[in-house]
Amino acid sequence: MKKVRLIVTCLFLIALTGQSVIAQPTADNKAAVQADSVGVALLQMNPKGNDQKANLKKADAFCRQAAAKGADIALMPEMWNIGYTRFRPGDKADRQAFWDQAASKDGPWVQHFRRLADDLDMAIGVAYEQQWDPLPRNALTIYDRHGQEVLTYAKVHTSDFKAMERNMTPGDDFFVAPLDTATATIQVGALICFDREQPESARILMLKGAELILTPNCCGLDDLRLQQFRIRARENVLGVAMANYPRPYQNGHSVAYDSSGQCLVMAGEQEGVYLANFDMQAIRKHRGKSIHGHAYRRPHRYQLLTSPEKDELWRRIDGIGKVYDGNRR
């Protein structure tokens, strides 16, 4: 029988000056969480390079910590199975090794977390380099608290300005699906790192009904990127949650914002399990009244957004030395 878990809230600070808000995980701030509150644990972990066995062990331990804190969902950083390790550009053998290490969704590494989700009665967002034909994908598979697959999303906006992701297969769509939690069934979507820097990505998820967007990440998060992510929440009237790598690999600052742009939690630079509680009742009420989201849009004026034409100003050379053509990706 699955154990009944105590639901806890985490401390958070709100910074009116725009400075970073740092909330450390705590087991002492225990309180009854209202109905329809969904807890998302951001697993800010340092990897052991591309040692997938060691990274599995660490993620397992962090997921168990998240469950002990009362989380409904645990989220890993981007391509956690390989610790987002890059191959050496120009080294064909190293590139091939990068391709060969990709994990199958049905293989033992990913399936370990499917079983763990069921055991812990907690959804898990599994971020990994996914085995794919012709080239691997940068993927997130979400398993619900019963161990059932909710969705698998592959990063659409691969970072083609770098050799590694230019040598991967990009995703071809954005997905939203219902996720059953102990307190509420929510509509969840996914983005991965550079996706969140393209406003169309979150917009499409909003149009598909997303109430919460989960975002594995691997990059330095400065104030501009954090504010950008905050705006994605406010302009689309939904919750957003991002798990990043800590120092020394990146700078941490895993973060979550509610639909009004309020910061629910922001990590420091160290490892930890950081819990954000989303009040889904408040988010839904906000969505029903907000002037943002889909309320006052004018899609018939936006045809240019889907035009493949590009001015010479925006011409770029990608990570493998070719002129970037997004229409072929």
C-alpha atoms as a PDB file:
ATOM      1  CA  MET A   1       0.000   0.000   0.000  1.00  0.00           C
ATOM      2  CA  LYS A   2       1.282   3.441  -0.863  1.00  0.00           C
ATOM      3  CA  LYS A   3       2.029   5.506   2.185  1.00  0.00           C
ATOM      4  CA  VAL A   4       0.041   8.623   2.976  1.00  0.00           C
ATOM      5  CA  ARG A   5       2.444  11.513   2.637  1.00  0.00           C
ATOM      6  CA  LEU A   6       2.414  14.663   4.711  1.00  0.00           C
ATOM      7  CA  ILE A   7       1.989  17.685   2.445  1.00  0.00           C
ATOM      8  CA  VAL A   8       4.234  20.568   3.388  1.00  0.00           C
ATOM      9  CA  THR A   9       4.783  24.065   2.159  1.00  0.00           C
ATOM     10  CA  CYS A  10       8.183  25.682   1.690  1.00  0.00           C
ATOM     11  CA  LEU A  11       9.282  29.128   2.781  1.00  0.00           C
ATOM     12  CA  PHE A  12       9.634  31.747   0.115  1.00  0.00           C
ATOM     13  CA  LEU A  13      10.618  35.393  -0.064  1.00  0.00           C
ATOM     14  CA  ILE A  14       9.275  37.973  -2.479  1.00  0.00           C
ATOM     15  CA  ALA A  15      11.675  40.666  -3.687  1.00  0.00           C
ATOM     16  CA  LEU A  16       9.977  43.928  -4.644  1.00  0.00           C
ATOM     17  CA  THR A  17      13.288  45.359  -5.837  1.00  0.00           C
ATOM     18  CA  GLY A  18      13.797  42.750  -8.555  1.00  0.00           C
ATOM     19  CA  GLN A  19      16.654  41.063  -6.700  1.00  0.00           C
ATOM     20  CA  SER A  20      16.847  37.277  -6.679  1.00  0.00           C
ATOM     21  CA  VAL A  21      14.612  35.534  -4.183  1.00  0.00           C
ATOM     22  CA  ILE A  22      16.334  32.649  -2.404  1.00  0.00           C
ATOM     23  CA  ALA A  23      14.286  30.069  -0.559  1.00  0.00           C
ATOM     24  CA  GLN A  24      16.085  27.164   1.045  1.00  0.00           C
ATOM     25  CA  PRO A  25      14.317  23.814   1.364  1.00  0.00           C
ATOM     26  CA  THR A  26      13.054  23.107   4.846  1.00  0.00           C
ATOM     27  CA  ALA A  27      11.275  20.314   6.647  1.00  0.00           C
ATOM     28  CA  ASP A  28      10.221  22.535   9.522  1.00  0.00           C
ATOM     29  CA  ASN A  29       7.625  24.675   7.753  1.00  0.00           C
ATOM     30  CA  LYS A  30       4.810  22.149   7.944  1.00  0.00           C
ATOM     31  CA  ALA A  31       1.261  23.250   7.297  1.00  0.00           C
ATOM     32  CA  ALA A  32      -1.876  21.851   5.806  1.00  0.00           C
ATOM     33  CA  VAL A  33      -1.986  22.692   2.097  1.00  0.00           C
ATOM     34  CA  GLN A  34      -5.399  23.691   0.775  1.00  0.00           C
ATOM     35  CA  ALA A  35      -7.314  21.623  -1.730  1.00  0.00           C
ATOM     36  CA  ASP A  36      -6.174  22.027  -5.335  1.00  0.00           C
ATOM     37  CA  SER A  37      -2.631  22.967  -4.288  1.00  0.00           C
ATOM     38  CA  VAL A  38      -0.010  21.160  -6.367  1.00  0.00           C
ATOM     39  CA  GLY A  39       3.561  20.918  -5.094  1.00  0.00           C
ATOM     40  CA  VAL A  40       6.390  20.877  -7.657  1.00  0.00           C
ATOM     41  CA  ALA A  41       9.863  19.900  -6.415  1.00  0.00           C
ATOM     42  CA  LEU A  42      12.736  21.367  -8.431  1.00  0.00           C
ATOM     43  CA  LEU A  43      15.643  18.917  -8.210  1.00  0.00           C
ATOM     44  CA  GLN A  44      18.718  21.142  -8.398  1.00  0.00           C
ATOM     45  CA  MET A  45      21.428  18.491  -8.698  1.00  0.00           C
ATOM     46  CA  ASN A  46      25.088  18.282  -9.692  1.00  0.00           C
ATOM     47  CA  PRO A  47      25.768  15.350 -12.037  1.00  0.00           C
ATOM     48  CA  LYS A  48      28.725  12.998 -12.167  1.00  0.00           C
ATOM     49  CA  GLY A  49      29.470  13.812 -15.790  1.00  0.00           C
ATOM     50  CA  ASN A  50      27.761  11.362 -18.108  1.00  0.00           C
ATOM     51  CA  ASP A  51      27.913   8.502 -15.604  1.00  0.00           C
ATOM     52  CA  GLN A  52      24.309   7.417 -16.023  1.00  0.00           C
ATOM     53  CA  LYS A  53      24.411   4.915 -13.180  1.00  0.00           C
ATOM     54  CA  ALA A  54      25.599   7.554 -10.712  1.00  0.00           C
ATOM     55  CA  ASN A  55      23.131  10.132 -12.043  1.00  0.00           C
ATOM     56  CA  LEU A  56      20.272   7.651 -11.682  1.00  0.00           C
ATOM     57  CA  LYS A  57      21.247   6.983  -8.080  1.00  0.00           C
ATOM     58  CA  LYS A  58      21.353  10.691  -7.240  1.00  0.00           C
ATOM     59  CA  ALA A  59      18.041  11.462  -8.930  1.00  0.00           C
ATOM     60  CA  ASP A  60      16.443   8.529  -7.105  1.00  0.00           C
ATOM     61  CA  ALA A  61      17.605   9.954  -3.769  1.00  0.00           C
ATOM     62  CA  PHE A  62      16.416  13.464  -4.637  1.00  0.00           C
ATOM     63  CA  CYS A  63      13.021  12.146  -5.746  1.00  0.00           C
ATOM     64  CA  ARG A  64      12.656  10.417  -2.398  1.00  0.00           C
ATOM     65  CA  GLN A  65      13.485  13.674  -0.630  1.00  0.00           C
ATOM     66  CA  ALA A  66      10.867  15.435  -2.755  1.00  0.00           C
ATOM     67  CA  ALA A  67       8.233  12.865  -1.832  1.00  0.00           C
ATOM     68  CA  ALA A  68       9.126  13.218   1.861  1.00  0.00           C
ATOM     69  CA  LYS A  69       8.541  16.977   1.551  1.00  0.00           C
ATOM     70  CA  GLY A  70       5.068  16.332   0.162  1.00  0.00           C
ATOM     71  CA  ALA A  71       5.713  17.080  -3.516  1.00  0.00           C
ATOM     72  CA  ASP A  72       3.181  16.012  -6.137  1.00  0.00           C
ATOM     73  CA  ILE A  73       5.699  16.372  -8.990  1.00  0.00           C
ATOM     74  CA  ALA A  74       9.508  16.132  -9.092  1.00  0.00           C
ATOM     75  CA  LEU A  75      11.392  17.736 -12.004  1.00  0.00           C
ATOM     76  CA  MET A  76      14.966  17.032 -13.159  1.00  0.00           C
ATOM     77  CA  PRO A  77      17.353  19.421 -14.950  1.00  0.00           C
ATOM     78  CA  GLU A  78      17.867  19.151 -18.716  1.00  0.00           C
ATOM     79  CA  MET A  79      19.237  15.826 -20.082  1.00  0.00           C
ATOM     80  CA  TRP A  80      19.972  14.660 -16.549  1.00  0.00           C
ATOM     81  CA  ASN A  81      20.941  11.108 -17.502  1.00  0.00           C
ATOM     82  CA  ILE A  82      24.163  12.396 -19.111  1.00  0.00           C
ATOM     83  CA  GLY A  83      24.516  15.526 -16.978  1.00  0.00           C
ATOM     84  CA  TYR A  84      24.216  17.582 -20.157  1.00  0.00           C
ATOM     85  CA  THR A  85      27.809  16.668 -21.096  1.00  0.00           C
ATOM     86  CA  ARG A  86      28.938  17.756 -24.561  1.00  0.00           C
ATOM     87  CA  PHE A  87      31.120  15.962 -27.094  1.00  0.00           C
ATOM     88  CA  ARG A  88      34.262  17.574 -28.461  1.00  0.00           C
ATOM     89  CA  PRO A  89      33.420  19.421 -31.697  1.00  0.00           C
ATOM     90  CA  GLY A  90      35.282  17.930 -34.639  1.00  0.00           C
ATOM     91  CA  ASP A  91      35.941  14.637 -32.831  1.00  0.00           C
ATOM     92  CA  LYS A  92      33.857  12.093 -34.766  1.00  0.00           C
ATOM     93  CA  ALA A  93      34.519   9.272 -32.298  1.00  0.00           C
ATOM     94  CA  ASP A  94      33.419  11.427 -29.365  1.00  0.00           C
ATOM     95  CA  ARG A  95      30.320  12.506 -31.286  1.00  0.00           C
ATOM     96  CA  GLN A  96      29.449   8.884 -32.021  1.00  0.00           C
ATOM     97  CA  ALA A  97      29.884   8.010 -28.341  1.00  0.00           C
ATOM     98  CA  PHE A  98      27.480  10.841 -27.537  1.00  0.00           C
ATOM     99  CA  TRP A  99      24.901   9.386 -29.902  1.00  0.00           C
ATOM    100  CA  ASP A 100      25.433   5.832 -28.641  1.00  0.00           C
ATOM    101  CA  GLN A 101      24.867   6.692 -24.967  1.00  0.00           C
ATOM    102  CA  ALA A 102      21.268   7.867 -25.544  1.00  0.00           C
ATOM    103  CA  ALA A 103      18.687   6.096 -23.378  1.00  0.00           C
ATOM    104  CA  SER A 104      15.562   4.459 -24.749  1.00  0.00           C
ATOM    105  CA  LYS A 105      12.279   5.546 -23.191  1.00  0.00           C
ATOM    106  CA  ASP A 106      11.515   1.870 -22.687  1.00  0.00           C
ATOM    107  CA  GLY A 107      14.984   1.056 -21.375  1.00  0.00           C
ATOM    108  CA  PRO A 108      16.090   0.493 -17.764  1.00  0.00           C
ATOM    109  CA  TRP A 109      17.257   4.062 -17.006  1.00  0.00           C
ATOM    110  CA  VAL A 110      13.974   5.780 -17.814  1.00  0.00           C
ATOM    111  CA  GLN A 111      11.792   2.906 -16.642  1.00  0.00           C
ATOM    112  CA  HIS A 112      13.436   3.056 -13.218  1.00  0.00           C
ATOM    113  CA  PHE A 113      11.696   6.381 -12.666  1.00  0.00           C
ATOM    114  CA  ARG A 114       8.381   5.119 -13.992  1.00  0.00           C
ATOM    115  CA  ARG A 115       8.410   2.511 -11.238  1.00  0.00           C
ATOM    116  CA  LEU A 116       9.668   5.032  -8.698  1.00  0.00           C
ATOM    117  CA  ALA A 117       6.786   7.391  -9.496  1.00  0.00           C
ATOM    118  CA  ASP A 118       4.354   4.596  -8.730  1.00  0.00           C
ATOM    119  CA  ASP A 119       6.208   3.604  -5.561  1.00  0.00           C
ATOM    120  CA  LEU A 120       6.332   7.191  -4.243  1.00  0.00           C
ATOM    121  CA  ASP A 121       2.815   8.140  -5.343  1.00  0.00           C
ATOM    122  CA  MET A 122       4.416  11.177  -7.007  1.00  0.00           C
ATOM    123  CA  ALA A 123       4.715  12.301 -10.630  1.00  0.00           C
ATOM    124  CA  ILE A 124       8.264  12.538 -11.989  1.00  0.00           C
ATOM    125  CA  GLY A 125       9.526  14.579 -14.938  1.00  0.00           C
ATOM    126  CA  VAL A 126      12.403  12.526 -16.354  1.00  0.00           C
ATOM    127  CA  ALA A 127      14.838  14.602 -18.451  1.00  0.00           C
ATOM    128  CA  TYR A 128      17.206  12.625 -20.661  1.00  0.00           C
ATOM    129  CA  GLU A 129      19.029  12.207 -23.954  1.00  0.00           C
ATOM    130  CA  GLN A 130      16.512  10.017 -25.755  1.00  0.00           C
ATOM    131  CA  GLN A 131      17.464   7.327 -28.234  1.00  0.00           C
ATOM    132  CA  TRP A 132      15.920   8.299 -31.573  1.00  0.00           C
ATOM    133  CA  ASP A 133      16.296   7.772 -35.316  1.00  0.00           C
ATOM    134  CA  PRO A 134      18.245   9.282 -37.008  1.00  0.00           C
ATOM    135  CA  LEU A 135      19.753  11.240 -34.081  1.00  0.00           C
ATOM    136  CA  PRO A 136      18.973  11.419 -30.332  1.00  0.00           C
ATOM    137  CA  ARG A 137      16.462  13.876 -28.890  1.00  0.00           C
ATOM    138  CA  ASN A 138      16.590  16.157 -25.855  1.00  0.00           C
ATOM    139  CA  ALA A 139      13.493  14.849 -24.091  1.00  0.00           C
ATOM    140  CA  LEU A 140      11.248  15.004 -21.042  1.00  0.00           C
ATOM    141  CA  THR A 141       8.919  12.146 -20.152  1.00  0.00           C
ATOM    142  CA  ILE A 142       6.381  12.800 -17.409  1.00  0.00           C
ATOM    143  CA  TYR A 143       5.054   9.834 -15.421  1.00  0.00           C
ATOM    144  CA  ASP A 144       2.092  10.324 -13.128  1.00  0.00           C
ATOM    145  CA  ARG A 145       1.859   9.078  -9.550  1.00  0.00           C
ATOM    146  CA  HIS A 146       0.575   5.730 -10.815  1.00  0.00           C
ATOM    147  CA  GLY A 147       3.581   5.204 -13.091  1.00  0.00           C
ATOM    148  CA  GLN A 148       1.615   5.944 -16.259  1.00  0.00           C
ATOM    149  CA  GLU A 149       3.162   8.019 -19.041  1.00  0.00           C
ATOM    150  CA  VAL A 150       1.449  11.384 -19.361  1.00  0.00           C
ATOM    151  CA  LEU A 151       3.507  12.818 -22.214  1.00  0.00           C
ATOM    152  CA  THR A 152       6.917  12.751 -23.837  1.00  0.00           C
ATOM    153  CA  TYR A 153       8.152  16.054 -25.212  1.00  0.00           C
ATOM    154  CA  ALA A 154      11.300  16.629 -27.276  1.00  0.00           C
ATOM    155  CA  LYS A 155      12.915  20.068 -27.306  1.00  0.00           C
ATOM    156  CA  VAL A 156      11.680  21.931 -30.394  1.00  0.00           C
ATOM    157  CA  HIS A 157      14.146  24.812 -30.194  1.00  0.00           C
ATOM    158  CA  THR A 158      17.340  22.798 -29.992  1.00  0.00           C
ATOM    159  CA  SER A 159      20.342  25.036 -29.350  1.00  0.00           C
ATOM    160  CA  ASP A 160      21.602  24.772 -32.923  1.00  0.00           C
ATOM    161  CA  PHE A 161      24.206  27.474 -32.324  1.00  0.00           C
ATOM    162  CA  LYS A 162      26.182  24.754 -30.498  1.00  0.00           C
ATOM    163  CA  ALA A 163      27.550  21.578 -32.092  1.00  0.00           C
ATOM    164  CA  MET A 164      25.954  19.156 -29.625  1.00  0.00           C
ATOM    165  CA  GLU A 165      22.290  20.021 -30.085  1.00  0.00           C
ATOM    166  CA  ARG A 166      22.776  20.703 -33.792  1.00  0.00           C
ATOM    167  CA  ASN A 167      23.613  16.984 -33.900  1.00  0.00           C
ATOM    168  CA  MET A 168      20.287  16.012 -32.338  1.00  0.00           C
ATOM    169  CA  THR A 169      16.747  15.602 -33.660  1.00  0.00           C
ATOM    170  CA  PRO A 170      14.445  18.486 -32.667  1.00  0.00           C
ATOM    171  CA  GLY A 171      10.873  17.894 -31.557  1.00  0.00           C
ATOM    172  CA  ASP A 172       8.025  18.666 -33.929  1.00  0.00           C
ATOM    173  CA  ASP A 173       5.166  19.698 -31.624  1.00  0.00           C
ATOM    174  CA  PHE A 174       4.147  20.930 -28.174  1.00  0.00           C
ATOM    175  CA  PHE A 175       1.943  18.800 -25.942  1.00  0.00           C
ATOM    176  CA  VAL A 176      -0.541  19.295 -23.116  1.00  0.00           C
ATOM    177  CA  ALA A 177      -2.069  16.431 -21.143  1.00  0.00           C
ATOM    178  CA  PRO A 178      -4.045  15.885 -17.924  1.00  0.00           C
ATOM    179  CA  LEU A 179      -1.949  14.965 -14.907  1.00  0.00           C
ATOM    180  CA  ASP A 180      -3.634  13.359 -11.916  1.00  0.00           C
ATOM    181  CA  THR A 181      -2.290  14.475  -8.535  1.00  0.00           C
ATOM    182  CA  ALA A 182      -3.538  13.748  -5.021  1.00  0.00           C
ATOM    183  CA  THR A 183      -5.330  17.116  -4.823  1.00  0.00           C
ATOM    184  CA  ALA A 184      -6.205  18.051  -8.419  1.00  0.00           C
ATOM    185  CA  THR A 185      -6.091  16.961 -12.040  1.00  0.00           C
ATOM    186  CA  ILE A 186      -4.175  19.636 -13.921  1.00  0.00           C
ATOM    187  CA  GLN A 187      -3.352  20.324 -17.554  1.00  0.00           C
ATOM    188  CA  VAL A 188       0.429  20.116 -17.849  1.00  0.00           C
ATOM    189  CA  GLY A 189       2.772  21.049 -20.689  1.00  0.00           C
ATOM    190  CA  ALA A 190       6.538  21.046 -21.137  1.00  0.00           C
ATOM    191  CA  LEU A 191       9.334  23.228 -22.490  1.00  0.00           C
ATOM    192  CA  ILE A 192      13.089  22.630 -22.348  1.00  0.00           C
ATOM    193  CA  CYS A 193      15.645  25.413 -21.796  1.00  0.00           C
ATOM    194  CA  PHE A 194      15.928  27.463 -25.047  1.00  0.00           C
ATOM    195  CA  ASP A 195      12.227  26.808 -25.773  1.00  0.00           C
ATOM    196  CA  ARG A 196      11.309  29.234 -22.973  1.00  0.00           C
ATOM    197  CA  GLU A 197      13.213  32.022 -24.760  1.00  0.00           C
ATOM    198  CA  GLN A 198      10.836  31.770 -27.725  1.00  0.00           C
ATOM    199  CA  PRO A 199       7.486  33.330 -26.701  1.00  0.00           C
ATOM    200  CA  GLU A 200       5.561  31.240 -29.239  1.00  0.00           C
ATOM    201  CA  SER A 201       6.382  28.043 -27.307  1.00  0.00           C
ATOM    202  CA  ALA A 202       4.529  28.943 -24.105  1.00  0.00           C
ATOM    203  CA  ARG A 203       1.819  30.657 -26.148  1.00  0.00           C
ATOM    204  CA  ILE A 204       1.022  27.436 -27.990  1.00  0.00           C
ATOM    205  CA  LEU A 205       0.861  25.512 -24.722  1.00  0.00           C
ATOM    206  CA  MET A 206      -1.532  28.126 -23.334  1.00  0.00           C
ATOM    207  CA  LEU A 207      -3.726  27.791 -26.431  1.00  0.00           C
ATOM    208  CA  LYS A 208      -3.760  24.018 -25.915  1.00  0.00           C
ATOM    209  CA  GLY A 209      -5.019  24.502 -22.369  1.00  0.00           C
ATOM    210  CA  ALA A 210      -1.875  24.248 -20.228  1.00  0.00           C
ATOM    211  CA  GLU A 211      -2.232  25.373 -16.609  1.00  0.00           C
ATOM    212  CA  LEU A 212       1.323  24.478 -15.597  1.00  0.00           C
ATOM    213  CA  ILE A 213       4.528  24.289 -17.673  1.00  0.00           C
ATOM    214  CA  LEU A 214       7.468  22.151 -16.496  1.00  0.00           C
ATOM    215  CA  THR A 215      10.892  23.207 -17.801  1.00  0.00           C
ATOM    216  CA  PRO A 216      14.171  21.282 -17.423  1.00  0.00           C
ATOM    217  CA  ASN A 217      17.078  23.692 -17.942  1.00  0.00           C
ATOM    218  CA  CYS A 218      20.852  23.887 -18.347  1.00  0.00           C
ATOM    219  CA  CYS A 219      22.279  27.395 -18.597  1.00  0.00           C
ATOM    220  CA  GLY A 220      23.262  30.359 -16.494  1.00  0.00           C
ATOM    221  CA  LEU A 221      20.157  32.136 -15.228  1.00  0.00           C
ATOM    222  CA  ASP A 222      20.697  35.873 -14.949  1.00  0.00           C
ATOM    223  CA  ASP A 223      18.063  38.399 -13.947  1.00  0.00           C
ATOM    224  CA  LEU A 224      16.908  38.965 -17.535  1.00  0.00           C
ATOM    225  CA  ARG A 225      16.308  35.257 -18.147  1.00  0.00           C
ATOM    226  CA  LEU A 226      14.491  34.906 -14.839  1.00  0.00           C
ATOM    227  CA  GLN A 227      12.263  37.877 -15.610  1.00  0.00           C
ATOM    228  CA  GLN A 228      11.647  36.497 -19.101  1.00  0.00           C
ATOM    229  CA  PHE A 229      10.420  33.233 -17.568  1.00  0.00           C
ATOM    230  CA  ARG A 230       8.281  35.194 -15.136  1.00  0.00           C
ATOM    231  CA  ILE A 231       6.644  37.032 -18.043  1.00  0.00           C
ATOM    232  CA  ARG A 232       5.870  33.707 -19.744  1.00  0.00           C
ATOM    233  CA  ALA A 233       3.744  32.894 -16.694  1.00  0.00           C
ATOM    234  CA  ARG A 234       1.975  36.241 -16.535  1.00  0.00           C
ATOM    235  CA  GLU A 235       1.306  36.762 -20.237  1.00  0.00           C
ATOM    236  CA  ASN A 236      -0.149  33.247 -20.595  1.00  0.00           C
ATOM    237  CA  VAL A 237      -1.892  33.135 -17.187  1.00  0.00           C
ATOM    238  CA  LEU A 238      -0.389  29.843 -16.043  1.00  0.00           C
ATOM    239  CA  GLY A 239       2.181  28.462 -13.644  1.00  0.00           C
ATOM    240  CA  VAL A 240       5.776  27.778 -14.675  1.00  0.00           C
ATOM    241  CA  ALA A 241       8.496  25.762 -12.958  1.00  0.00           C
ATOM    242  CA  MET A 242      12.138  25.343 -14.013  1.00  0.00           C
ATOM    243  CA  ALA A 243      14.864  23.018 -12.676  1.00  0.00           C
ATOM    244  CA  ASN A 244      18.465  24.062 -13.376  1.00  0.00           C
ATOM    245  CA  TYR A 245      21.924  22.759 -12.473  1.00  0.00           C
ATOM    246  CA  PRO A 246      23.708  24.235  -9.417  1.00  0.00           C
ATOM    247  CA  ARG A 247      27.278  25.486  -9.129  1.00  0.00           C
ATOM    248  CA  PRO A 248      29.829  24.674 -10.357  1.00  0.00           C
ATOM    249  CA  TYR A 249      28.187  23.496 -13.603  1.00  0.00           C
ATOM    250  CA  GLN A 250      25.604  26.302 -13.837  1.00  0.00           C
ATOM    251  CA  ASN A 251      24.410  28.872 -11.306  1.00  0.00           C
ATOM    252  CA  GLY A 252      21.275  27.248  -9.913  1.00  0.00           C
ATOM    253  CA  HIS A 253      18.333  29.614  -9.376  1.00  0.00           C
ATOM    254  CA  SER A 254      15.738  26.977 -10.175  1.00  0.00           C
ATOM    255  CA  VAL A 255      12.492  28.913  -9.975  1.00  0.00           C
ATOM    256  CA  ALA A 256       8.701  28.810 -10.089  1.00  0.00           C
ATOM    257  CA  TYR A 257       6.155  31.565 -10.754  1.00  0.00           C
ATOM    258  CA  ASP A 258       2.380  31.511 -10.502  1.00  0.00           C
ATOM    259  CA  SER A 259       0.008  32.925 -13.126  1.00  0.00           C
ATOM    260  CA  SER A 260       0.328  36.474 -11.785  1.00  0.00           C
ATOM    261  CA  GLY A 261       4.127  36.358 -11.949  1.00  0.00           C
ATOM    262  CA  GLN A 262       4.536  35.927  -8.197  1.00  0.00           C
ATOM    263  CA  CYS A 263       7.715  34.034  -7.288  1.00  0.00           C
ATOM    264  CA  LEU A 264       6.812  30.888  -5.344  1.00  0.00           C
ATOM    265  CA  VAL A 265      10.375  29.688  -4.850  1.00  0.00           C
ATOM    266  CA  MET A 266      13.821  30.550  -6.127  1.00  0.00           C
ATOM    267  CA  ALA A 267      16.843  28.437  -5.289  1.00  0.00           C
ATOM    268  CA  GLY A 268      20.298  29.684  -4.496  1.00  0.00           C
ATOM    269  CA  GLU A 269      23.352  28.268  -6.235  1.00  0.00           C
ATOM    270  CA  GLN A 270      23.713  25.047  -4.230  1.00  0.00           C
ATOM    271  CA  GLU A 271      22.187  21.599  -4.598  1.00  0.00           C
ATOM    272  CA  GLY A 272      18.828  21.018  -3.026  1.00  0.00           C
ATOM    273  CA  VAL A 273      15.170  20.087  -3.383  1.00  0.00           C
ATOM    274  CA  TYR A 274      13.140  23.287  -3.756  1.00  0.00           C
ATOM    275  CA  LEU A 275       9.381  23.046  -3.388  1.00  0.00           C
ATOM    276  CA  ALA A 276       6.823  25.374  -4.971  1.00  0.00           C
ATOM    277  CA  ASN A 277       3.129  25.048  -4.169  1.00  0.00           C
ATOM    278  CA  PHE A 278       0.783  26.163  -6.946  1.00  0.00           C
ATOM    279  CA  ASP A 279      -2.725  27.180  -5.888  1.00  0.00           C
ATOM    280  CA  MET A 280      -4.605  25.736  -8.862  1.00  0.00           C
ATOM    281  CA  GLN A 281      -7.939  27.152  -7.702  1.00  0.00           C
ATOM    282  CA  ALA A 282      -6.441  30.655  -7.738  1.00  0.00           C
ATOM    283  CA  ILE A 283      -4.792  30.074 -11.116  1.00  0.00           C
ATOM    284  CA  ARG A 284      -8.078  28.900 -12.632  1.00  0.00           C
ATOM    285  CA  LYS A 285      -9.935  31.850 -11.185  1.00  0.00           C
ATOM    286  CA  HIS A 286      -7.286  34.186 -12.577  1.00  0.00           C
ATOM    287  CA  ARG A 287      -7.515  32.534 -16.014  1.00  0.00           C
ATOM    288  CA  GLY A 288     -11.256  33.173 -16.057  1.00  0.00           C
ATOM    289  CA  LYS A 289     -10.864  36.921 -15.485  1.00  0.00           C
ATOM    290  CA  SER A 290      -7.472  37.973 -16.863  1.00  0.00           C
ATOM    291  CA  ILE A 291      -7.096  40.319 -19.832  1.00  0.00           C
ATOM    292  CA  HIS A 292      -4.021  38.292 -20.841  1.00  0.00           C
ATOM    293  CA  GLY A 293      -3.740  34.782 -22.283  1.00  0.00           C
ATOM    294  CA  HIS A 294      -6.200  34.235 -25.123  1.00  0.00           C
ATOM    295  CA  ALA A 295      -8.722  36.824 -23.931  1.00  0.00           C
ATOM    296  CA  TYR A 296      -7.985  39.787 -26.222  1.00  0.00           C
ATOM    297  CA  ARG A 297      -5.664  38.348 -28.863  1.00  0.00           C
ATOM    298  CA  ARG A 298      -6.127  39.084 -32.605  1.00  0.00           C
ATOM    299  CA  PRO A 299      -4.765  36.015 -34.406  1.00  0.00           C
ATOM    300  CA  HIS A 300      -5.976  37.217 -37.807  1.00  0.00           C
ATOM    301  CA  ARG A 301      -3.301  39.940 -37.577  1.00  0.00           C
ATOM    302  CA  TYR A 302      -0.419  37.556 -36.880  1.00  0.00           C
ATOM    303  CA  GLN A 303       0.147  35.872 -40.265  1.00  0.00           C
ATOM    304  CA  LEU A 304       3.722  37.162 -40.464  1.00  0.00           C
ATOM    305  CA  LEU A 305       4.670  35.044 -37.444  1.00  0.00           C
ATOM    306  CA  THR A 306       4.522  31.869 -39.550  1.00  0.00           C
ATOM    307  CA  SER A 307       6.361  33.293 -42.569  1.00  0.00           C
ATOM    308  CA  PRO A 308       9.590  31.404 -43.430  1.00  0.00           C
ATOM    309  CA  GLU A 309      11.161  34.527 -44.893  1.00  0.00           C
ATOM    310  CA  LYS A 310      14.122  36.049 -43.047  1.00  0.00           C
ATOM    311  CA  ASP A 311      16.070  39.277 -43.571  1.00  0.00           C
ATOM    312  CA  GLU A 312      19.835  39.004 -44.090  1.00  0.00           C
ATOM    313  CA  LEU A 313      20.256  40.649 -40.690  1.00  0.00           C
ATOM    314  CA  TRP A 314      19.147  37.407 -39.029  1.00  0.00           C
ATOM    315  CA  ARG A 315      21.359  35.045 -41.034  1.00  0.00           C
ATOM    316  CA  ARG A 316      23.453  32.833 -38.716  1.00  0.00           C
ATOM    317  CA  ILE A 317      26.059  30.084 -38.995  1.00  0.00           C
ATOM    318  CA  ASP A 318      25.033  27.120 -36.836  1.00  0.00           C
ATOM    319  CA  GLY A 319      27.014  24.754 -34.619  1.00  0.00           C
ATOM    320  CA  ILE A 320      28.247  22.634 -37.536  1.00  0.00           C
ATOM    321  CA  GLY A 321      29.318  25.548 -39.705  1.00  0.00           C
ATOM    322  CA  LYS A 322      26.295  25.729 -41.975  1.00  0.00           C
ATOM    323  CA  VAL A 323      23.822  28.529 -42.628  1.00  0.00           C
ATOM    324  CA  TYR A 324      21.007  27.928 -40.178  1.00  0.00           C
ATOM    325  CA  ASP A 325      17.685  27.076 -41.842  1.00  0.00           C
ATOM    326  CA  GLY A 326      14.948  26.590 -39.271  1.00  0.00           C
ATOM    327  CA  ASN A 327      12.549  25.323 -41.927  1.00  0.00           C
ATOM    328  CA  ARG A 328      14.712  22.224 -42.351  1.00  0.00           C
ATOM    329  CA  ARG A 329      14.829  21.506 -38.640  1.00  0.00           C
END
